């Protein structure tokens, strides 16, 4: 595979010393592979787009989708709790 920096989702950025990352929606299998190569184990999908669950799971990652997190406080709280749970497991996580 090519250098993962060439296939990471758009606007990919690490926060909190490599524990959490944020990005645009991963639009291809190559982008999901690049995310997995970063050591990310959990994806929090806070967009209305449907994540590629089959590919994500095949790559050894988990995903939780929170459709509407941008317009509903309870859904946003649940997305944040999902990130917190990943941190407690010491899993690197991506939110998009």
PDB file of N, CA and C in Angstrom:
ATOM      1  N   UNK A   1       0.844  -1.187   0.000  1.00  0.00           N
ATOM      2  CA  UNK A   1       0.000   0.000   0.000  1.00  0.00           C
ATOM      3  C   UNK A   1       0.883   1.241   0.000  1.00  0.00           C
ATOM      4  N   UNK A   2       0.403   2.277  -0.598  1.00  0.00           N
ATOM      5  CA  UNK A   2       1.122   3.547  -0.633  1.00  0.00           C
ATOM      6  C   UNK A   2       1.207   4.146   0.767  1.00  0.00           C
ATOM      7  N   UNK A   3       2.047   5.155   0.899  1.00  0.00           N
ATOM      8  CA  UNK A   3       2.179   5.874   2.169  1.00  0.00           C
ATOM      9  C   UNK A   3       0.800   6.309   2.646  1.00  0.00           C
ATOM     10  N   UNK A   4       0.474   5.979   3.900  1.00  0.00           N
ATOM     11  CA  UNK A   4      -0.873   6.245   4.407  1.00  0.00           C
ATOM     12  C   UNK A   4      -1.224   7.723   4.409  1.00  0.00           C
ATOM     13  N   UNK A   5      -0.219   8.597   4.477  1.00  0.00           N
ATOM     14  CA  UNK A   5      -0.524  10.028   4.472  1.00  0.00           C
ATOM     15  C   UNK A   5      -1.141  10.455   3.144  1.00  0.00           C
ATOM     16  N   UNK A   6      -0.958   9.650   2.089  1.00  0.00           N
ATOM     17  CA  UNK A   6      -1.541   9.972   0.800  1.00  0.00           C
ATOM     18  C   UNK A   6      -3.000   9.533   0.710  1.00  0.00           C
ATOM     19  N   UNK A   7      -3.431   8.626   1.608  1.00  0.00           N
ATOM     20  CA  UNK A   7      -4.778   8.099   1.494  1.00  0.00           C
ATOM     21  C   UNK A   7      -5.618   8.326   2.752  1.00  0.00           C
ATOM     22  N   UNK A   8      -5.108   9.060   3.716  1.00  0.00           N
ATOM     23  CA  UNK A   8      -5.919   9.375   4.886  1.00  0.00           C
ATOM     24  C   UNK A   8      -7.113  10.232   4.474  1.00  0.00           C
ATOM     25  N   UNK A   9      -8.214  10.129   5.202  1.00  0.00           N
ATOM     26  CA  UNK A   9      -9.371  10.980   4.882  1.00  0.00           C
ATOM     27  C   UNK A   9      -8.988  12.457   4.934  1.00  0.00           C
ATOM     28  N   UNK A  10      -9.728  13.256   4.193  1.00  0.00           N
ATOM     29  CA  UNK A  10      -9.436  14.700   4.161  1.00  0.00           C
ATOM     30  C   UNK A  10      -9.498  15.285   5.569  1.00  0.00           C
ATOM     31  N   UNK A  11      -8.767  16.332   5.770  1.00  0.00           N
ATOM     32  CA  UNK A  11      -8.626  17.074   7.031  1.00  0.00           C
ATOM     33  C   UNK A  11      -8.327  16.174   8.236  1.00  0.00           C
ATOM     34  N   UNK A  12      -7.603  15.082   8.039  1.00  0.00           N
ATOM     35  CA  UNK A  12      -7.222  14.198   9.140  1.00  0.00           C
ATOM     36  C   UNK A  12      -6.253  14.934  10.054  1.00  0.00           C
ATOM     37  N   UNK A  13      -6.525  14.896  11.354  1.00  0.00           N
ATOM     38  CA  UNK A  13      -5.649  15.552  12.324  1.00  0.00           C
ATOM     39  C   UNK A  13      -5.685  14.806  13.649  1.00  0.00           C
ATOM     40  N   UNK A  14      -4.502  14.594  14.225  1.00  0.00           N
ATOM     41  CA  UNK A  14      -4.393  13.982  15.546  1.00  0.00           C
ATOM     42  C   UNK A  14      -4.585  15.030  16.633  1.00  0.00           C
ATOM     43  N   UNK A  15      -5.204  14.623  17.732  1.00  0.00           N
ATOM     44  CA  UNK A  15      -5.369  15.447  18.932  1.00  0.00           C
ATOM     45  C   UNK A  15      -4.917  14.625  20.131  1.00  0.00           C
ATOM     46  N   UNK A  16      -4.642  15.262  21.229  1.00  0.00           N
ATOM     47  CA  UNK A  16      -4.294  14.600  22.487  1.00  0.00           C
ATOM     48  C   UNK A  16      -3.185  13.571  22.300  1.00  0.00           C
ATOM     49  N   UNK A  17      -2.073  14.037  21.716  1.00  0.00           N
ATOM     50  CA  UNK A  17      -0.864  13.224  21.575  1.00  0.00           C
ATOM     51  C   UNK A  17      -1.112  11.862  20.927  1.00  0.00           C
ATOM     52  N   UNK A  18      -1.845  11.842  19.849  1.00  0.00           N
ATOM     53  CA  UNK A  18      -2.039  10.613  19.107  1.00  0.00           C
ATOM     54  C   UNK A  18      -3.088   9.663  19.649  1.00  0.00           C
ATOM     55  N   UNK A  19      -3.932  10.123  20.562  1.00  0.00           N
ATOM     56  CA  UNK A  19      -4.981   9.256  21.109  1.00  0.00           C
ATOM     57  C   UNK A  19      -6.281   9.383  20.321  1.00  0.00           C
ATOM     58  N   UNK A  20      -6.585  10.597  19.878  1.00  0.00           N
ATOM     59  CA  UNK A  20      -7.818  10.866  19.155  1.00  0.00           C
ATOM     60  C   UNK A  20      -7.495  11.597  17.862  1.00  0.00           C
ATOM     61  N   UNK A  21      -8.224  11.243  16.822  1.00  0.00           N
ATOM     62  CA  UNK A  21      -8.078  11.940  15.554  1.00  0.00           C
ATOM     63  C   UNK A  21      -9.470  12.362  15.082  1.00  0.00           C
ATOM     64  N   UNK A  22      -9.485  13.386  14.259  1.00  0.00           N
ATOM     65  CA  UNK A  22     -10.718  13.832  13.624  1.00  0.00           C
ATOM     66  C   UNK A  22     -10.432  13.953  12.131  1.00  0.00           C
ATOM     67  N   UNK A  23     -11.466  13.740  11.340  1.00  0.00           N
ATOM     68  CA  UNK A  23     -11.288  13.842   9.891  1.00  0.00           C
ATOM     69  C   UNK A  23     -12.636  13.993   9.223  1.00  0.00           C
ATOM     70  N   UNK A  24     -12.574  14.172   7.918  1.00  0.00           N
ATOM     71  CA  UNK A  24     -13.774  14.070   7.107  1.00  0.00           C
ATOM     72  C   UNK A  24     -14.159  12.602   6.999  1.00  0.00           C
ATOM     73  N   UNK A  25     -15.288  12.330   6.419  1.00  0.00           N
ATOM     74  CA  UNK A  25     -15.787  10.974   6.263  1.00  0.00           C
ATOM     75  C   UNK A  25     -14.820  10.156   5.404  1.00  0.00           C
ATOM     76  N   UNK A  26     -14.375   8.970   5.886  1.00  0.00           N
ATOM     77  CA  UNK A  26     -13.522   8.107   5.053  1.00  0.00           C
ATOM     78  C   UNK A  26     -14.341   7.607   3.854  1.00  0.00           C
ATOM     79  N   UNK A  27     -13.938   8.005   2.657  1.00  0.00           N
ATOM     80  CA  UNK A  27     -14.751   7.765   1.466  1.00  0.00           C
ATOM     81  C   UNK A  27     -14.365   6.528   0.673  1.00  0.00           C
ATOM     82  N   UNK A  28     -13.318   5.811   1.086  1.00  0.00           N
ATOM     83  CA  UNK A  28     -12.904   4.634   0.320  1.00  0.00           C
ATOM     84  C   UNK A  28     -12.271   3.606   1.245  1.00  0.00           C
ATOM     85  N   UNK A  29     -12.133   2.402   0.723  1.00  0.00           N
ATOM     86  CA  UNK A  29     -11.446   1.356   1.472  1.00  0.00           C
ATOM     87  C   UNK A  29      -9.993   1.750   1.726  1.00  0.00           C
ATOM     88  N   UNK A  30      -9.363   2.402   0.747  1.00  0.00           N
ATOM     89  CA  UNK A  30      -7.973   2.845   0.926  1.00  0.00           C
ATOM     90  C   UNK A  30      -7.857   3.811   2.100  1.00  0.00           C
ATOM     91  N   UNK A  31      -8.820   4.716   2.241  1.00  0.00           N
ATOM     92  CA  UNK A  31      -8.781   5.650   3.371  1.00  0.00           C
ATOM     93  C   UNK A  31      -8.982   4.911   4.691  1.00  0.00           C
ATOM     94  N   UNK A  32      -9.881   3.925   4.715  1.00  0.00           N
ATOM     95  CA  UNK A  32     -10.071   3.143   5.941  1.00  0.00           C
ATOM     96  C   UNK A  32      -8.818   2.332   6.272  1.00  0.00           C
ATOM     97  N   UNK A  33      -8.149   1.799   5.261  1.00  0.00           N
ATOM     98  CA  UNK A  33      -6.889   1.072   5.489  1.00  0.00           C
ATOM     99  C   UNK A  33      -5.843   2.006   6.091  1.00  0.00           C
ATOM    100  N   UNK A  34      -5.770   3.235   5.580  1.00  0.00           N
ATOM    101  CA  UNK A  34      -4.821   4.214   6.109  1.00  0.00           C
ATOM    102  C   UNK A  34      -5.143   4.563   7.557  1.00  0.00           C
ATOM    103  N   UNK A  35      -6.426   4.649   7.885  1.00  0.00           N
ATOM    104  CA  UNK A  35      -6.849   4.913   9.263  1.00  0.00           C
ATOM    105  C   UNK A  35      -6.391   3.757  10.159  1.00  0.00           C
ATOM    106  N   UNK A  36      -6.608   2.531   9.720  1.00  0.00           N
ATOM    107  CA  UNK A  36      -6.187   1.358  10.501  1.00  0.00           C
ATOM    108  C   UNK A  36      -4.675   1.345  10.675  1.00  0.00           C
ATOM    109  N   UNK A  37      -3.932   1.748   9.646  1.00  0.00           N
ATOM    110  CA  UNK A  37      -2.467   1.790   9.730  1.00  0.00           C
ATOM    111  C   UNK A  37      -1.984   2.792  10.781  1.00  0.00           C
ATOM    112  N   UNK A  38      -2.813   3.761  11.117  1.00  0.00           N
ATOM    113  CA  UNK A  38      -2.466   4.738  12.153  1.00  0.00           C
ATOM    114  C   UNK A  38      -2.625   4.150  13.564  1.00  0.00           C
ATOM    115  N   UNK A  39      -3.132   2.926  13.645  1.00  0.00           N
ATOM    116  CA  UNK A  39      -3.345   2.288  14.944  1.00  0.00           C
ATOM    117  C   UNK A  39      -4.712   2.569  15.539  1.00  0.00           C
ATOM    118  N   UNK A  40      -5.592   3.170  14.774  1.00  0.00           N
ATOM    119  CA  UNK A  40      -6.931   3.486  15.258  1.00  0.00           C
ATOM    120  C   UNK A  40      -7.739   2.199  15.376  1.00  0.00           C
ATOM    121  N   UNK A  41      -8.407   2.035  16.515  1.00  0.00           N
ATOM    122  CA  UNK A  41      -9.194   0.833  16.787  1.00  0.00           C
ATOM    123  C   UNK A  41     -10.695   1.096  16.826  1.00  0.00           C
ATOM    124  N   UNK A  42     -11.089   2.357  16.969  1.00  0.00           N
ATOM    125  CA  UNK A  42     -12.511   2.677  17.129  1.00  0.00           C
ATOM    126  C   UNK A  42     -12.844   3.924  16.319  1.00  0.00           C
ATOM    127  N   UNK A  43     -13.947   3.858  15.589  1.00  0.00           N
ATOM    128  CA  UNK A  43     -14.415   5.003  14.814  1.00  0.00           C
ATOM    129  C   UNK A  43     -15.767   5.450  15.356  1.00  0.00           C
ATOM    130  N   UNK A  44     -15.890   6.735  15.579  1.00  0.00           N
ATOM    131  CA  UNK A  44     -17.155   7.346  15.985  1.00  0.00           C
ATOM    132  C   UNK A  44     -17.661   8.135  14.782  1.00  0.00           C
ATOM    133  N   UNK A  45     -18.726   7.656  14.190  1.00  0.00           N
ATOM    134  CA  UNK A  45     -19.303   8.294  13.008  1.00  0.00           C
ATOM    135  C   UNK A  45     -20.396   9.249  13.463  1.00  0.00           C
ATOM    136  N   UNK A  46     -20.118  10.539  13.393  1.00  0.00           N
ATOM    137  CA  UNK A  46     -21.072  11.544  13.844  1.00  0.00           C
ATOM    138  C   UNK A  46     -21.706  12.282  12.675  1.00  0.00           C
ATOM    139  N   UNK A  47     -21.508  11.761  11.473  1.00  0.00           N
ATOM    140  CA  UNK A  47     -22.104  12.362  10.284  1.00  0.00           C
ATOM    141  C   UNK A  47     -23.348  11.574   9.884  1.00  0.00           C
ATOM    142  N   UNK A  48     -24.063  12.064   8.929  1.00  0.00           N
ATOM    143  CA  UNK A  48     -25.252  11.362   8.440  1.00  0.00           C
ATOM    144  C   UNK A  48     -24.902  10.279   7.422  1.00  0.00           C
ATOM    145  N   UNK A  49     -23.640  10.235   6.998  1.00  0.00           N
ATOM    146  CA  UNK A  49     -23.222   9.225   6.036  1.00  0.00           C
ATOM    147  C   UNK A  49     -23.071   7.874   6.727  1.00  0.00           C
ATOM    148  N   UNK A  50     -23.412   6.810   6.012  1.00  0.00           N
ATOM    149  CA  UNK A  50     -23.362   5.466   6.567  1.00  0.00           C
ATOM    150  C   UNK A  50     -21.936   4.907   6.450  1.00  0.00           C
ATOM    151  N   UNK A  51     -21.331   4.523   7.583  1.00  0.00           N
ATOM    152  CA  UNK A  51     -19.965   3.978   7.520  1.00  0.00           C
ATOM    153  C   UNK A  51     -19.947   2.591   6.870  1.00  0.00           C
ATOM    154  N   UNK A  52     -18.819   2.244   6.275  1.00  0.00           N
ATOM    155  CA  UNK A  52     -18.609   0.938   5.647  1.00  0.00           C
ATOM    156  C   UNK A  52     -18.258  -0.068   6.747  1.00  0.00           C
ATOM    157  N   UNK A  53     -19.281  -0.542   7.432  1.00  0.00           N
ATOM    158  CA  UNK A  53     -19.101  -1.397   8.613  1.00  0.00           C
ATOM    159  C   UNK A  53     -18.322  -2.660   8.268  1.00  0.00           C
ATOM    160  N   UNK A  54     -18.625  -3.278   7.144  1.00  0.00           N
ATOM    161  CA  UNK A  54     -17.951  -4.517   6.765  1.00  0.00           C
ATOM    162  C   UNK A  54     -16.441  -4.321   6.644  1.00  0.00           C
ATOM    163  N   UNK A  55     -16.019  -3.282   5.957  1.00  0.00           N
ATOM    164  CA  UNK A  55     -14.585  -3.011   5.793  1.00  0.00           C
ATOM    165  C   UNK A  55     -13.957  -2.628   7.126  1.00  0.00           C
ATOM    166  N   UNK A  56     -14.630  -1.807   7.889  1.00  0.00           N
ATOM    167  CA  UNK A  56     -14.113  -1.377   9.187  1.00  0.00           C
ATOM    168  C   UNK A  56     -13.857  -2.590  10.083  1.00  0.00           C
ATOM    169  N   UNK A  57     -14.819  -3.487  10.156  1.00  0.00           N
ATOM    170  CA  UNK A  57     -14.659  -4.675  11.004  1.00  0.00           C
ATOM    171  C   UNK A  57     -13.590  -5.613  10.453  1.00  0.00           C
ATOM    172  N   UNK A  58     -13.506  -5.749   9.133  1.00  0.00           N
ATOM    173  CA  UNK A  58     -12.480  -6.596   8.526  1.00  0.00           C
ATOM    174  C   UNK A  58     -11.080  -6.081   8.856  1.00  0.00           C
ATOM    175  N   UNK A  59     -10.948  -4.778   9.020  1.00  0.00           N
ATOM    176  CA  UNK A  59      -9.664  -4.165   9.346  1.00  0.00           C
ATOM    177  C   UNK A  59      -9.372  -4.177  10.846  1.00  0.00           C
ATOM    178  N   UNK A  60     -10.247  -4.806  11.624  1.00  0.00           N
ATOM    179  CA  UNK A  60     -10.011  -4.943  13.061  1.00  0.00           C
ATOM    180  C   UNK A  60     -10.427  -3.751  13.890  1.00  0.00           C
ATOM    181  N   UNK A  61     -11.253  -2.895  13.320  1.00  0.00           N
ATOM    182  CA  UNK A  61     -11.732  -1.726  14.048  1.00  0.00           C
ATOM    183  C   UNK A  61     -13.205  -1.916  14.391  1.00  0.00           C
ATOM    184  N   UNK A  62     -13.679  -1.129  15.341  1.00  0.00           N
ATOM    185  CA  UNK A  62     -15.095  -1.083  15.667  1.00  0.00           C
ATOM    186  C   UNK A  62     -15.618   0.293  15.266  1.00  0.00           C
ATOM    187  N   UNK A  63     -16.939   0.390  15.117  1.00  0.00           N
ATOM    188  CA  UNK A  63     -17.540   1.659  14.739  1.00  0.00           C
ATOM    189  C   UNK A  63     -18.874   1.809  15.455  1.00  0.00           C
ATOM    190  N   UNK A  64     -19.169   3.033  15.856  1.00  0.00           N
ATOM    191  CA  UNK A  64     -20.485   3.388  16.381  1.00  0.00           C
ATOM    192  C   UNK A  64     -20.953   4.603  15.609  1.00  0.00           C
ATOM    193  N   UNK A  65     -22.174   4.533  15.095  1.00  0.00           N
ATOM    194  CA  UNK A  65     -22.732   5.636  14.310  1.00  0.00           C
ATOM    195  C   UNK A  65     -23.716   6.437  15.154  1.00  0.00           C
ATOM    196  N   UNK A  66     -23.574   7.747  15.114  1.00  0.00           N
ATOM    197  CA  UNK A  66     -24.419   8.672  15.870  1.00  0.00           C
ATOM    198  C   UNK A  66     -25.012   9.692  14.908  1.00  0.00           C
ATOM    199  N   UNK A  67     -25.919   9.230  14.078  1.00  0.00           N
ATOM    200  CA  UNK A  67     -26.571  10.079  13.100  1.00  0.00           C
ATOM    201  C   UNK A  67     -27.294  11.218  13.825  1.00  0.00           C
ATOM    202  N   UNK A  68     -26.991  12.426  13.455  1.00  0.00           N
ATOM    203  CA  UNK A  68     -27.661  13.578  14.053  1.00  0.00           C
ATOM    204  C   UNK A  68     -26.910  14.223  15.194  1.00  0.00           C
ATOM    205  N   UNK A  69     -25.645  13.831  15.397  1.00  0.00           N
ATOM    206  CA  UNK A  69     -24.877  14.398  16.516  1.00  0.00           C
ATOM    207  C   UNK A  69     -24.704  15.903  16.393  1.00  0.00           C
ATOM    208  N   UNK A  70     -24.799  16.421  15.173  1.00  0.00           N
ATOM    209  CA  UNK A  70     -24.619  17.861  14.997  1.00  0.00           C
ATOM    210  C   UNK A  70     -25.875  18.663  15.334  1.00  0.00           C
ATOM    211  N   UNK A  71     -27.008  17.977  15.524  1.00  0.00           N
ATOM    212  CA  UNK A  71     -28.236  18.725  15.773  1.00  0.00           C
ATOM    213  C   UNK A  71     -29.002  18.269  17.014  1.00  0.00           C
ATOM    214  N   UNK A  72     -28.464  17.287  17.733  1.00  0.00           N
ATOM    215  CA  UNK A  72     -29.167  16.754  18.905  1.00  0.00           C
ATOM    216  C   UNK A  72     -28.169  16.555  20.040  1.00  0.00           C
ATOM    217  N   UNK A  73     -28.383  17.247  21.144  1.00  0.00           N
ATOM    218  CA  UNK A  73     -27.442  17.219  22.253  1.00  0.00           C
ATOM    219  C   UNK A  73     -27.292  15.817  22.860  1.00  0.00           C
ATOM    220  N   UNK A  74     -28.379  15.070  22.988  1.00  0.00           N
ATOM    221  CA  UNK A  74     -28.290  13.720  23.549  1.00  0.00           C
ATOM    222  C   UNK A  74     -27.447  12.810  22.652  1.00  0.00           C
ATOM    223  N   UNK A  75     -27.580  12.956  21.347  1.00  0.00           N
ATOM    224  CA  UNK A  75     -26.790  12.160  20.414  1.00  0.00           C
ATOM    225  C   UNK A  75     -25.327  12.575  20.472  1.00  0.00           C
ATOM    226  N   UNK A  76     -25.074  13.864  20.576  1.00  0.00           N
ATOM    227  CA  UNK A  76     -23.698  14.351  20.719  1.00  0.00           C
ATOM    228  C   UNK A  76     -23.082  13.826  22.004  1.00  0.00           C
ATOM    229  N   UNK A  77     -23.821  13.836  23.105  1.00  0.00           N
ATOM    230  CA  UNK A  77     -23.336  13.286  24.371  1.00  0.00           C
ATOM    231  C   UNK A  77     -22.964  11.811  24.218  1.00  0.00           C
ATOM    232  N   UNK A  78     -23.790  11.049  23.503  1.00  0.00           N
ATOM    233  CA  UNK A  78     -23.511   9.626  23.296  1.00  0.00           C
ATOM    234  C   UNK A  78     -22.231   9.436  22.484  1.00  0.00           C
ATOM    235  N   UNK A  79     -22.002  10.283  21.487  1.00  0.00           N
ATOM    236  CA  UNK A  79     -20.776  10.205  20.684  1.00  0.00           C
ATOM    237  C   UNK A  79     -19.551  10.495  21.547  1.00  0.00           C
ATOM    238  N   UNK A  80     -19.651  11.497  22.405  1.00  0.00           N
ATOM    239  CA  UNK A  80     -18.540  11.829  23.309  1.00  0.00           C
ATOM    240  C   UNK A  80     -18.288  10.677  24.283  1.00  0.00           C
ATOM    241  N   UNK A  81     -19.339  10.067  24.784  1.00  0.00           N
ATOM    242  CA  UNK A  81     -19.187   8.914  25.677  1.00  0.00           C
ATOM    243  C   UNK A  81     -18.496   7.750  24.960  1.00  0.00           C
ATOM    244  N   UNK A  82     -18.773   7.576  23.676  1.00  0.00           N
ATOM    245  CA  UNK A  82     -18.117   6.533  22.896  1.00  0.00           C
ATOM    246  C   UNK A  82     -16.614   6.801  22.808  1.00  0.00           C
ATOM    247  N   UNK A  83     -16.238   8.053  22.611  1.00  0.00           N
ATOM    248  CA  UNK A  83     -14.814   8.410  22.609  1.00  0.00           C
ATOM    249  C   UNK A  83     -14.189   8.160  23.976  1.00  0.00           C
ATOM    250  N   UNK A  84     -14.912   8.514  25.026  1.00  0.00           N
ATOM    251  CA  UNK A  84     -14.421   8.311  26.385  1.00  0.00           C
ATOM    252  C   UNK A  84     -14.209   6.826  26.661  1.00  0.00           C
ATOM    253  N   UNK A  85     -15.144   5.992  26.231  1.00  0.00           N
ATOM    254  CA  UNK A  85     -15.012   4.541  26.426  1.00  0.00           C
ATOM    255  C   UNK A  85     -13.790   4.014  25.686  1.00  0.00           C
ATOM    256  N   UNK A  86     -13.523   4.531  24.494  1.00  0.00           N
ATOM    257  CA  UNK A  86     -12.321   4.125  23.750  1.00  0.00           C
ATOM    258  C   UNK A  86     -11.068   4.507  24.526  1.00  0.00           C
ATOM    259  N   UNK A  87     -11.078   5.690  25.117  1.00  0.00           N
ATOM    260  CA  UNK A  87      -9.923   6.135  25.907  1.00  0.00           C
ATOM    261  C   UNK A  87      -9.707   5.227  27.111  1.00  0.00           C
ATOM    262  N   UNK A  88     -10.782   4.826  27.765  1.00  0.00           N
ATOM    263  CA  UNK A  88     -10.661   3.929  28.914  1.00  0.00           C
ATOM    264  C   UNK A  88     -10.091   2.566  28.520  1.00  0.00           C
ATOM    265  N   UNK A  89     -10.357   2.143  27.282  1.00  0.00           N
ATOM    266  CA  UNK A  89      -9.790   0.890  26.771  1.00  0.00           C
ATOM    267  C   UNK A  89      -8.383   1.089  26.237  1.00  0.00           C
ATOM    268  N   UNK A  90      -7.919   2.334  26.230  1.00  0.00           N
ATOM    269  CA  UNK A  90      -6.628   2.721  25.665  1.00  0.00           C
ATOM    270  C   UNK A  90      -6.575   2.465  24.162  1.00  0.00           C
ATOM    271  N   UNK A  91      -7.724   2.623  23.499  1.00  0.00           N
ATOM    272  CA  UNK A  91      -7.813   2.492  22.045  1.00  0.00           C
ATOM    273  C   UNK A  91      -7.700   3.866  21.402  1.00  0.00           C
ATOM    274  N   UNK A  92      -6.921   3.952  20.344  1.00  0.00           N
ATOM    275  CA  UNK A  92      -6.905   5.170  19.536  1.00  0.00           C
ATOM    276  C   UNK A  92      -8.250   5.234  18.812  1.00  0.00           C
ATOM    277  N   UNK A  93      -8.787   6.446  18.681  1.00  0.00           N
ATOM    278  CA  UNK A  93     -10.121   6.599  18.093  1.00  0.00           C
ATOM    279  C   UNK A  93     -10.132   7.728  17.071  1.00  0.00           C
ATOM    280  N   UNK A  94     -11.031   7.598  16.106  1.00  0.00           N
ATOM    281  CA  UNK A  94     -11.269   8.606  15.090  1.00  0.00           C
ATOM    282  C   UNK A  94     -12.720   9.033  15.163  1.00  0.00           C
ATOM    283  N   UNK A  95     -12.949  10.337  15.109  1.00  0.00           N
ATOM    284  CA  UNK A  95     -14.316  10.849  15.002  1.00  0.00           C
ATOM    285  C   UNK A  95     -14.423  11.613  13.697  1.00  0.00           C
ATOM    286  N   UNK A  96     -15.531  11.411  13.039  1.00  0.00           N
ATOM    287  CA  UNK A  96     -15.810  12.175  11.806  1.00  0.00           C
ATOM    288  C   UNK A  96     -17.280  12.491  11.748  1.00  0.00           C
TER     289      UNK A  96
END
